[in-house]
Structures are given as structure tokens and as C-alpha cells.
Protein backbone atom coordinates (compact mmCIF):
# COMPACT_ATOMS: atom_id res chain seq x y z
CA MET A 1 -4.67 -11.33 21.25
CA ARG A 2 -7.07 -10.37 18.52
CA ASP A 3 -6.70 -10.22 14.76
CA ILE A 4 -6.66 -7.10 12.58
CA THR A 5 -10.28 -6.60 11.59
CA THR A 6 -11.01 -2.87 11.45
CA THR A 7 -9.56 0.35 10.12
CA GLN A 8 -8.95 1.34 13.74
CA ASP A 9 -6.71 -1.72 14.11
CA ILE A 10 -4.73 -0.63 11.07
CA ASP A 11 -4.54 2.93 12.39
CA LEU A 12 -2.98 1.56 15.58
CA LEU A 13 -0.59 -0.65 13.64
CA VAL A 14 0.59 2.14 11.33
CA GLU A 15 0.94 4.71 14.11
CA ASN A 16 2.86 2.32 16.37
CA PHE A 17 5.07 1.19 13.49
CA TYR A 18 6.03 4.69 12.41
CA THR A 19 6.69 5.67 16.02
CA LYS A 20 9.34 2.93 15.99
CA VAL A 21 10.66 4.05 12.61
CA LYS A 22 11.07 7.61 13.88
CA LYS A 23 13.02 6.32 16.90
CA ASP A 24 15.24 3.95 14.91
CA THR A 25 18.68 5.51 14.47
CA THR A 26 19.15 3.97 11.03
CA LEU A 27 15.72 4.49 9.47
CA ASN A 28 14.81 7.88 10.89
CA ALA A 29 17.26 9.64 8.57
CA PHE A 30 15.28 8.48 5.53
CA PHE A 31 12.15 10.08 6.94
CA SER A 32 13.63 13.34 8.25
CA ASN A 33 11.79 15.44 5.65
CA THR A 34 8.58 13.46 5.77
CA ASN A 35 5.32 15.32 6.09
CA TRP A 36 3.75 12.96 8.62
CA GLU A 37 0.31 14.57 8.34
CA HIS A 38 0.32 13.48 4.69
CA HIS A 39 2.29 10.23 4.95
CA LEU A 40 0.45 8.46 7.77
CA PRO A 41 -3.03 8.71 6.22
CA ARG A 42 -1.63 7.42 2.91
CA MET A 43 0.01 4.45 4.61
CA LYS A 44 -3.20 3.73 6.48
CA GLU A 45 -5.13 3.80 3.20
CA PHE A 46 -2.55 1.45 1.67
CA TRP A 47 -2.94 -1.09 4.48
CA TYR A 48 -6.75 -0.72 4.50
CA PHE A 49 -6.63 -1.73 0.84
CA ILE A 50 -4.15 -4.58 1.32
CA LEU A 51 -5.63 -6.09 4.48
CA LEU A 52 -9.32 -5.19 4.39
CA ASP A 53 -9.89 -4.81 0.63
CA LYS A 54 -11.09 -1.26 1.25
CA PRO A 55 -10.90 0.83 -1.93
CA GLY A 56 -9.38 4.27 -1.90
CA PHE A 57 -5.61 3.89 -2.14
CA LYS A 58 -4.10 5.28 -5.30
CA GLY A 59 -0.44 5.62 -5.98
CA ASN A 60 2.80 3.77 -6.33
CA ILE A 61 4.54 3.17 -3.03
CA TYR A 62 7.76 2.09 -4.69
CA ASP A 63 8.23 5.34 -6.61
CA SER A 64 7.76 7.41 -3.49
CA HIS A 65 10.56 5.51 -1.72
CA SER A 66 13.00 4.88 -4.58
CA ASN A 67 14.70 8.28 -4.41
CA ARG A 68 15.66 8.05 -0.73
CA ASN A 69 18.90 6.05 -1.13
CA ILE A 70 17.43 3.15 0.83
CA LYS A 71 19.37 -0.14 0.51
CA SER A 72 18.47 -3.78 1.13
CA PRO A 73 19.76 -3.81 4.74
CA HIS A 74 17.44 -0.93 5.54
CA PHE A 75 14.48 -2.98 4.39
CA ASP A 76 15.58 -5.73 6.75
CA ILE A 77 15.34 -3.27 9.64
CA TRP A 78 12.01 -1.97 8.32
CA LEU A 79 10.64 -5.51 8.07
CA ASN A 80 11.80 -6.46 11.56
CA LEU A 81 10.15 -3.37 13.05
CA PHE A 82 6.95 -4.01 11.13
CA CYS A 83 6.73 -7.67 12.16
CA GLU A 84 7.51 -6.76 15.76
CA THR A 85 4.74 -4.15 15.72
CA VAL A 86 2.18 -6.57 14.29
CA ASN A 87 3.14 -9.32 16.73
CA GLN A 88 2.92 -7.03 19.75
CA SER A 89 -0.76 -6.27 19.19
CA PHE A 90 -2.27 -8.80 16.82
CA GLN A 91 -2.52 -12.47 16.03
CA GLY A 92 -4.58 -14.22 13.38
CA THR A 93 -5.14 -14.63 9.67
CA ILE A 94 -5.04 -10.94 8.75
CA ALA A 95 -2.09 -10.26 11.04
CA THR A 96 -0.23 -13.05 9.24
CA LYS A 97 -1.29 -11.54 5.91
CA ALA A 98 0.16 -8.19 7.02
CA ILE A 99 3.51 -9.78 7.83
CA ASP A 100 3.52 -11.80 4.60
CA LYS A 101 2.74 -8.70 2.54
CA ALA A 102 5.47 -6.72 4.32
CA LYS A 103 7.94 -9.51 3.49
CA GLU A 104 6.87 -9.39 -0.16
CA LEU A 105 7.28 -5.61 -0.24
CA SER A 106 10.70 -5.80 1.36
CA ILE A 107 11.89 -8.38 -1.17
CA LEU A 108 10.38 -6.49 -4.11
CA PHE A 109 11.77 -3.11 -3.08
CA SER A 110 15.23 -4.56 -2.44
CA TRP A 111 15.23 -6.30 -5.82
CA LYS A 112 14.03 -3.21 -7.68
CA LEU A 113 16.64 -1.03 -6.00
CA GLU A 114 19.40 -3.47 -6.89
CA GLN A 115 18.22 -3.45 -10.53
CA THR A 116 18.26 0.35 -10.57
CA GLU A 117 21.75 0.50 -9.06
CA GLY A 118 23.05 -1.84 -11.75
CA LYS A 119 22.11 0.55 -14.55
């Protein structure tokens, strides 16, 4: 298997991942009103920035997800699907970075949501 090295690799990763999200009976409800023509390019830009240091992503991914009533267990499912998607197609330093960053995001989002719920 090869590592993630190009924007085309990230395109494949993001498209395969969100195909799984759409099919997941728990997560798909959170994305039922998603404009995929807008969302997928933004997520690709986000991962281009994170994994390939490619400028262009602007925005706050937490804010765009915080109003969807997503809880910590949902991020566990999200993380498992993401890691599975990476591991099915890629192996190497950047693939590991993708998984590590997804773990960080899952922990951060879960923590922030718990803080918000406590208010």
C-alpha cells in the first residue's frame, strides 16, 4: 500500500469516508440536510491543509458541527469509520498523521460538546 501524497489521494479518502458515513445508520441522520456539493470540497480542502500543508482552507469545522446534536459516542463511530477508510487504502507517515489528527479532532469535539452541555 502507498502513503497519502497527493490531493487525489485525499479526494479518494474523503469520498470513500463520506460514502461510509452516508450508509451508517447512526451517522447518516446528522448529515440528512447536508449539501454534499458544498461539504465534500470543503472537507477535501481541510485535509489538504492538514496533511499536505496546502493553503486554502478557511473556516471553523467545530462551529459547523456543534449545532447537530452530535454526542461523544457518535464521534467514536466517526473515528472508527475514518480510520477504517484510511487503513483500507493507505499506509505510511501521512496516513498515520491522518489517523492521529482524526483522533485529536474526535477528542476535541467530544470535550467541547460536553463543556457546552454543562452550561
